[in-house]
């Protein structure tokens, strides 16, 4: 009876590795500033704070509605403040119940919303800065207008945009790394 016998082939042991080459990798979900983290909540708070400051400063001037760029700034920072407040509430909820907000659909929603609101806020701040420079430097009519308030509101809108940008970039990076 001819029966085949199994043969054992020697296998080399895997090479030994040192711990320096296999250091634990930092995952994207560990980065502060992402949704559901304390850093993300702080960013949302400052986005809201500076957007509301720009809105209140511009809205308290009596003649902001005579310039389209200033009306656009009020609308853009109003939208930015509403968006930032709603996401801050979501972040607070996620932190309180220890819920992970790293679902791809949630991250997509946050990324698209941050992208739209940051673009609108930046465009409105740029337009308002142009009109403010026109009023103060070129027309030299700051005596009749509220140039200091216009400049302050524009600066607050730019700072709000600066705080939205890290949120957008971190969310976009998280989507791209999936």
C-alpha atoms as a PDB file:
ATOM      1  CA  UNK A   1       0.000   0.000   0.000  1.00  0.00           C
ATOM      2  CA  UNK A   2       1.511   3.167  -1.037  1.00  0.00           C
ATOM      3  CA  UNK A   3       0.524   6.004   1.244  1.00  0.00           C
ATOM      4  CA  UNK A   4       2.032   9.391   0.992  1.00  0.00           C
ATOM      5  CA  UNK A   5       3.553  10.756   4.141  1.00  0.00           C
ATOM      6  CA  UNK A   6       3.267  14.341   5.027  1.00  0.00           C
ATOM      7  CA  UNK A   7       6.495  16.152   5.182  1.00  0.00           C
ATOM      8  CA  UNK A   8       7.340  18.951   7.521  1.00  0.00           C
ATOM      9  CA  UNK A   9       9.096  21.888   6.012  1.00  0.00           C
ATOM     10  CA  UNK A  10      11.026  24.038   8.410  1.00  0.00           C
ATOM     11  CA  UNK A  11       9.783  27.611   8.697  1.00  0.00           C
ATOM     12  CA  UNK A  12      12.078  30.362   9.726  1.00  0.00           C
ATOM     13  CA  UNK A  13      11.171  32.262  12.834  1.00  0.00           C
ATOM     14  CA  UNK A  14      10.113  35.829  12.211  1.00  0.00           C
ATOM     15  CA  UNK A  15      12.874  38.318  12.842  1.00  0.00           C
ATOM     16  CA  UNK A  16      12.998  39.811  16.291  1.00  0.00           C
ATOM     17  CA  UNK A  17      11.945  43.417  16.402  1.00  0.00           C
ATOM     18  CA  UNK A  18      12.943  46.058  18.818  1.00  0.00           C
ATOM     19  CA  UNK A  19      10.409  48.269  20.530  1.00  0.00           C
ATOM     20  CA  UNK A  20      11.850  51.452  19.008  1.00  0.00           C
ATOM     21  CA  UNK A  21      10.758  50.480  15.508  1.00  0.00           C
ATOM     22  CA  UNK A  22       7.305  49.386  16.616  1.00  0.00           C
ATOM     23  CA  UNK A  23       6.329  52.337  18.751  1.00  0.00           C
ATOM     24  CA  UNK A  24       2.577  52.762  19.105  1.00  0.00           C
ATOM     25  CA  UNK A  25       1.163  54.931  16.371  1.00  0.00           C
ATOM     26  CA  UNK A  26      -1.000  57.926  17.125  1.00  0.00           C
ATOM     27  CA  UNK A  27      -4.393  57.446  15.610  1.00  0.00           C
ATOM     28  CA  UNK A  28      -6.446  60.272  14.159  1.00  0.00           C
ATOM     29  CA  UNK A  29      -9.167  59.767  16.723  1.00  0.00           C
ATOM     30  CA  UNK A  30      -6.816  60.773  19.524  1.00  0.00           C
ATOM     31  CA  UNK A  31      -6.242  64.323  18.247  1.00  0.00           C
ATOM     32  CA  UNK A  32      -7.816  67.168  20.186  1.00  0.00           C
ATOM     33  CA  UNK A  33      -9.998  69.430  18.096  1.00  0.00           C
ATOM     34  CA  UNK A  34     -11.996  66.616  16.561  1.00  0.00           C
ATOM     35  CA  UNK A  35     -15.724  66.380  17.263  1.00  0.00           C
ATOM     36  CA  UNK A  36     -16.489  64.892  20.633  1.00  0.00           C
ATOM     37  CA  UNK A  37     -13.222  65.992  22.255  1.00  0.00           C
ATOM     38  CA  UNK A  38     -12.566  68.731  24.764  1.00  0.00           C
ATOM     39  CA  UNK A  39     -10.366  70.527  22.225  1.00  0.00           C
ATOM     40  CA  UNK A  40     -13.219  70.437  19.713  1.00  0.00           C
ATOM     41  CA  UNK A  41     -15.559  71.944  22.276  1.00  0.00           C
ATOM     42  CA  UNK A  42     -13.067  74.741  23.022  1.00  0.00           C
ATOM     43  CA  UNK A  43     -12.724  75.507  19.307  1.00  0.00           C
ATOM     44  CA  UNK A  44     -16.510  75.610  18.913  1.00  0.00           C
ATOM     45  CA  UNK A  45     -16.816  77.910  21.923  1.00  0.00           C
ATOM     46  CA  UNK A  46     -14.315  80.392  20.486  1.00  0.00           C
ATOM     47  CA  UNK A  47     -15.927  80.210  17.038  1.00  0.00           C
ATOM     48  CA  UNK A  48     -19.242  81.083  18.613  1.00  0.00           C
ATOM     49  CA  UNK A  49     -17.767  83.786  20.856  1.00  0.00           C
ATOM     50  CA  UNK A  50     -15.989  85.698  18.096  1.00  0.00           C
ATOM     51  CA  UNK A  51     -18.867  85.322  15.622  1.00  0.00           C
ATOM     52  CA  UNK A  52     -21.346  86.687  18.174  1.00  0.00           C
ATOM     53  CA  UNK A  53     -18.941  89.525  18.997  1.00  0.00           C
ATOM     54  CA  UNK A  54     -18.698  90.469  15.314  1.00  0.00           C
ATOM     55  CA  UNK A  55     -22.466  90.228  14.958  1.00  0.00           C
ATOM     56  CA  UNK A  56     -23.193  92.381  18.005  1.00  0.00           C
ATOM     57  CA  UNK A  57     -20.597  95.021  17.176  1.00  0.00           C
ATOM     58  CA  UNK A  58     -21.765  95.376  13.591  1.00  0.00           C
ATOM     59  CA  UNK A  59     -25.463  95.260  14.459  1.00  0.00           C
ATOM     60  CA  UNK A  60     -25.116  98.048  17.033  1.00  0.00           C
ATOM     61  CA  UNK A  61     -23.975 100.526  14.409  1.00  0.00           C
ATOM     62  CA  UNK A  62     -26.761 102.596  12.941  1.00  0.00           C
ATOM     63  CA  UNK A  63     -25.580 102.587   9.337  1.00  0.00           C
ATOM     64  CA  UNK A  64     -24.288  99.054   8.703  1.00  0.00           C
ATOM     65  CA  UNK A  65     -27.302  98.237   6.531  1.00  0.00           C
ATOM     66  CA  UNK A  66     -26.358 100.911   4.005  1.00  0.00           C
ATOM     67  CA  UNK A  67     -23.387  98.811   2.827  1.00  0.00           C
ATOM     68  CA  UNK A  68     -23.990  95.403   1.265  1.00  0.00           C
ATOM     69  CA  UNK A  69     -20.686  93.948   2.503  1.00  0.00           C
ATOM     70  CA  UNK A  70     -21.604  94.772   6.095  1.00  0.00           C
ATOM     71  CA  UNK A  71     -25.028  93.161   5.691  1.00  0.00           C
ATOM     72  CA  UNK A  72     -23.274  90.115   4.261  1.00  0.00           C
ATOM     73  CA  UNK A  73     -20.953  90.071   7.288  1.00  0.00           C
ATOM     74  CA  UNK A  74     -23.910  90.136   9.670  1.00  0.00           C
ATOM     75  CA  UNK A  75     -25.582  87.282   7.795  1.00  0.00           C
ATOM     76  CA  UNK A  76     -22.391  85.202   7.590  1.00  0.00           C
ATOM     77  CA  UNK A  77     -21.401  85.540  11.239  1.00  0.00           C
ATOM     78  CA  UNK A  78     -25.021  84.951  12.246  1.00  0.00           C
ATOM     79  CA  UNK A  79     -24.928  81.644  10.379  1.00  0.00           C
ATOM     80  CA  UNK A  80     -21.478  80.890  11.820  1.00  0.00           C
ATOM     81  CA  UNK A  81     -22.644  81.517  15.363  1.00  0.00           C
ATOM     82  CA  UNK A  82     -25.717  79.301  14.935  1.00  0.00           C
ATOM     83  CA  UNK A  83     -23.616  76.499  13.403  1.00  0.00           C
ATOM     84  CA  UNK A  84     -20.933  76.723  16.084  1.00  0.00           C
ATOM     85  CA  UNK A  85     -23.467  76.791  18.906  1.00  0.00           C
ATOM     86  CA  UNK A  86     -25.315  73.748  17.590  1.00  0.00           C
ATOM     87  CA  UNK A  87     -22.086  71.767  17.206  1.00  0.00           C
ATOM     88  CA  UNK A  88     -20.915  72.878  20.649  1.00  0.00           C
ATOM     89  CA  UNK A  89     -24.123  71.431  22.080  1.00  0.00           C
ATOM     90  CA  UNK A  90     -23.463  68.175  20.210  1.00  0.00           C
ATOM     91  CA  UNK A  91     -19.897  68.142  21.567  1.00  0.00           C
ATOM     92  CA  UNK A  92     -21.126  68.727  25.115  1.00  0.00           C
ATOM     93  CA  UNK A  93     -23.577  65.841  24.741  1.00  0.00           C
ATOM     94  CA  UNK A  94     -20.865  63.570  23.348  1.00  0.00           C
ATOM     95  CA  UNK A  95     -18.522  64.428  26.194  1.00  0.00           C
ATOM     96  CA  UNK A  96     -21.168  63.928  28.876  1.00  0.00           C
ATOM     97  CA  UNK A  97     -22.315  60.519  27.647  1.00  0.00           C
ATOM     98  CA  UNK A  98     -18.828  59.527  26.412  1.00  0.00           C
ATOM     99  CA  UNK A  99     -20.097  59.028  22.902  1.00  0.00           C
ATOM    100  CA  UNK A 100     -17.738  58.770  19.936  1.00  0.00           C
ATOM    101  CA  UNK A 101     -18.564  61.133  17.060  1.00  0.00           C
ATOM    102  CA  UNK A 102     -16.231  59.535  14.545  1.00  0.00           C
ATOM    103  CA  UNK A 103     -18.876  58.058  12.290  1.00  0.00           C
ATOM    104  CA  UNK A 104     -18.060  58.867   8.668  1.00  0.00           C
ATOM    105  CA  UNK A 105     -21.484  60.394   8.043  1.00  0.00           C
ATOM    106  CA  UNK A 106     -21.204  62.646  11.096  1.00  0.00           C
ATOM    107  CA  UNK A 107     -17.679  63.698  10.144  1.00  0.00           C
ATOM    108  CA  UNK A 108     -18.877  64.387   6.591  1.00  0.00           C
ATOM    109  CA  UNK A 109     -21.683  66.589   7.893  1.00  0.00           C
ATOM    110  CA  UNK A 110     -19.307  68.487  10.184  1.00  0.00           C
ATOM    111  CA  UNK A 111     -16.750  68.904   7.388  1.00  0.00           C
ATOM    112  CA  UNK A 112     -19.247  70.197   4.855  1.00  0.00           C
ATOM    113  CA  UNK A 113     -20.835  72.553   7.383  1.00  0.00           C
ATOM    114  CA  UNK A 114     -17.481  73.878   8.568  1.00  0.00           C
ATOM    115  CA  UNK A 115     -16.338  74.309   4.978  1.00  0.00           C
ATOM    116  CA  UNK A 116     -19.415  76.287   3.983  1.00  0.00           C
ATOM    117  CA  UNK A 117     -19.550  78.490   7.070  1.00  0.00           C
ATOM    118  CA  UNK A 118     -15.809  79.165   7.064  1.00  0.00           C
ATOM    119  CA  UNK A 119     -15.884  80.146   3.401  1.00  0.00           C
ATOM    120  CA  UNK A 120     -18.829  82.475   3.962  1.00  0.00           C
ATOM    121  CA  UNK A 121     -17.247  84.038   7.052  1.00  0.00           C
ATOM    122  CA  UNK A 122     -13.903  84.551   5.314  1.00  0.00           C
ATOM    123  CA  UNK A 123     -15.522  86.080   2.230  1.00  0.00           C
ATOM    124  CA  UNK A 124     -17.655  88.404   4.355  1.00  0.00           C
ATOM    125  CA  UNK A 125     -14.673  89.457   6.456  1.00  0.00           C
ATOM    126  CA  UNK A 126     -12.617  90.170   3.335  1.00  0.00           C
ATOM    127  CA  UNK A 127     -15.420  92.193   1.769  1.00  0.00           C
ATOM    128  CA  UNK A 128     -15.944  94.149   4.982  1.00  0.00           C
ATOM    129  CA  UNK A 129     -12.219  94.781   5.303  1.00  0.00           C
ATOM    130  CA  UNK A 130     -12.178  96.173   1.780  1.00  0.00           C
ATOM    131  CA  UNK A 131     -15.074  98.519   2.491  1.00  0.00           C
ATOM    132  CA  UNK A 132     -13.534  99.568   5.802  1.00  0.00           C
ATOM    133  CA  UNK A 133     -10.260 100.450   4.072  1.00  0.00           C
ATOM    134  CA  UNK A 134     -12.223 102.332   1.414  1.00  0.00           C
ATOM    135  CA  UNK A 135     -14.110 104.358   4.024  1.00  0.00           C
ATOM    136  CA  UNK A 136     -11.155 105.100   6.272  1.00  0.00           C
ATOM    137  CA  UNK A 137      -8.208 105.513   3.894  1.00  0.00           C
ATOM    138  CA  UNK A 138      -9.567 106.337   0.456  1.00  0.00           C
ATOM    139  CA  UNK A 139     -12.686 108.354   1.216  1.00  0.00           C
ATOM    140  CA  UNK A 140     -11.327 109.690   4.499  1.00  0.00           C
ATOM    141  CA  UNK A 141     -14.827 109.852   5.934  1.00  0.00           C
ATOM    142  CA  UNK A 142     -14.369 108.158   9.304  1.00  0.00           C
ATOM    143  CA  UNK A 143     -15.723 111.236  11.036  1.00  0.00           C
ATOM    144  CA  UNK A 144     -19.214 110.475   9.659  1.00  0.00           C
ATOM    145  CA  UNK A 145     -19.008 106.689  10.027  1.00  0.00           C
ATOM    146  CA  UNK A 146     -18.277 104.146  12.729  1.00  0.00           C
ATOM    147  CA  UNK A 147     -14.866 103.094  11.384  1.00  0.00           C
ATOM    148  CA  UNK A 148     -13.614 101.734  14.688  1.00  0.00           C
ATOM    149  CA  UNK A 149     -16.673  99.515  15.076  1.00  0.00           C
ATOM    150  CA  UNK A 150     -16.480  98.369  11.468  1.00  0.00           C
ATOM    151  CA  UNK A 151     -12.803  97.463  11.897  1.00  0.00           C
ATOM    152  CA  UNK A 152     -13.450  95.675  15.189  1.00  0.00           C
ATOM    153  CA  UNK A 153     -16.334  93.644  13.763  1.00  0.00           C
ATOM    154  CA  UNK A 154     -14.223  92.722  10.745  1.00  0.00           C
ATOM    155  CA  UNK A 155     -11.350  91.659  13.001  1.00  0.00           C
ATOM    156  CA  UNK A 156     -13.709  89.512  15.094  1.00  0.00           C
ATOM    157  CA  UNK A 157     -14.985  87.854  11.917  1.00  0.00           C
ATOM    158  CA  UNK A 158     -11.420  87.059  10.840  1.00  0.00           C
ATOM    159  CA  UNK A 159     -10.629  85.609  14.275  1.00  0.00           C
ATOM    160  CA  UNK A 160     -13.788  83.518  14.078  1.00  0.00           C
ATOM    161  CA  UNK A 161     -12.594  82.223  10.709  1.00  0.00           C
ATOM    162  CA  UNK A 162      -9.187  81.420  12.206  1.00  0.00           C
ATOM    163  CA  UNK A 163     -10.886  79.251  14.831  1.00  0.00           C
ATOM    164  CA  UNK A 164     -13.107  77.487  12.278  1.00  0.00           C
ATOM    165  CA  UNK A 165     -10.179  76.543  10.057  1.00  0.00           C
ATOM    166  CA  UNK A 166      -8.609  73.964  12.429  1.00  0.00           C
ATOM    167  CA  UNK A 167     -11.984  72.279  12.900  1.00  0.00           C
ATOM    168  CA  UNK A 168     -12.497  72.055   9.150  1.00  0.00           C
ATOM    169  CA  UNK A 169      -8.965  70.820   8.463  1.00  0.00           C
ATOM    170  CA  UNK A 170      -9.057  68.159  11.188  1.00  0.00           C
ATOM    171  CA  UNK A 171     -12.438  66.882  10.019  1.00  0.00           C
ATOM    172  CA  UNK A 172     -11.321  66.889   6.395  1.00  0.00           C
ATOM    173  CA  UNK A 173      -8.118  65.070   7.323  1.00  0.00           C
ATOM    174  CA  UNK A 174     -10.128  62.485   9.219  1.00  0.00           C
ATOM    175  CA  UNK A 175     -12.306  61.880   6.154  1.00  0.00           C
ATOM    176  CA  UNK A 176      -9.325  61.671   3.839  1.00  0.00           C
ATOM    177  CA  UNK A 177      -7.495  59.187   6.061  1.00  0.00           C
ATOM    178  CA  UNK A 178     -10.313  56.628   6.025  1.00  0.00           C
END
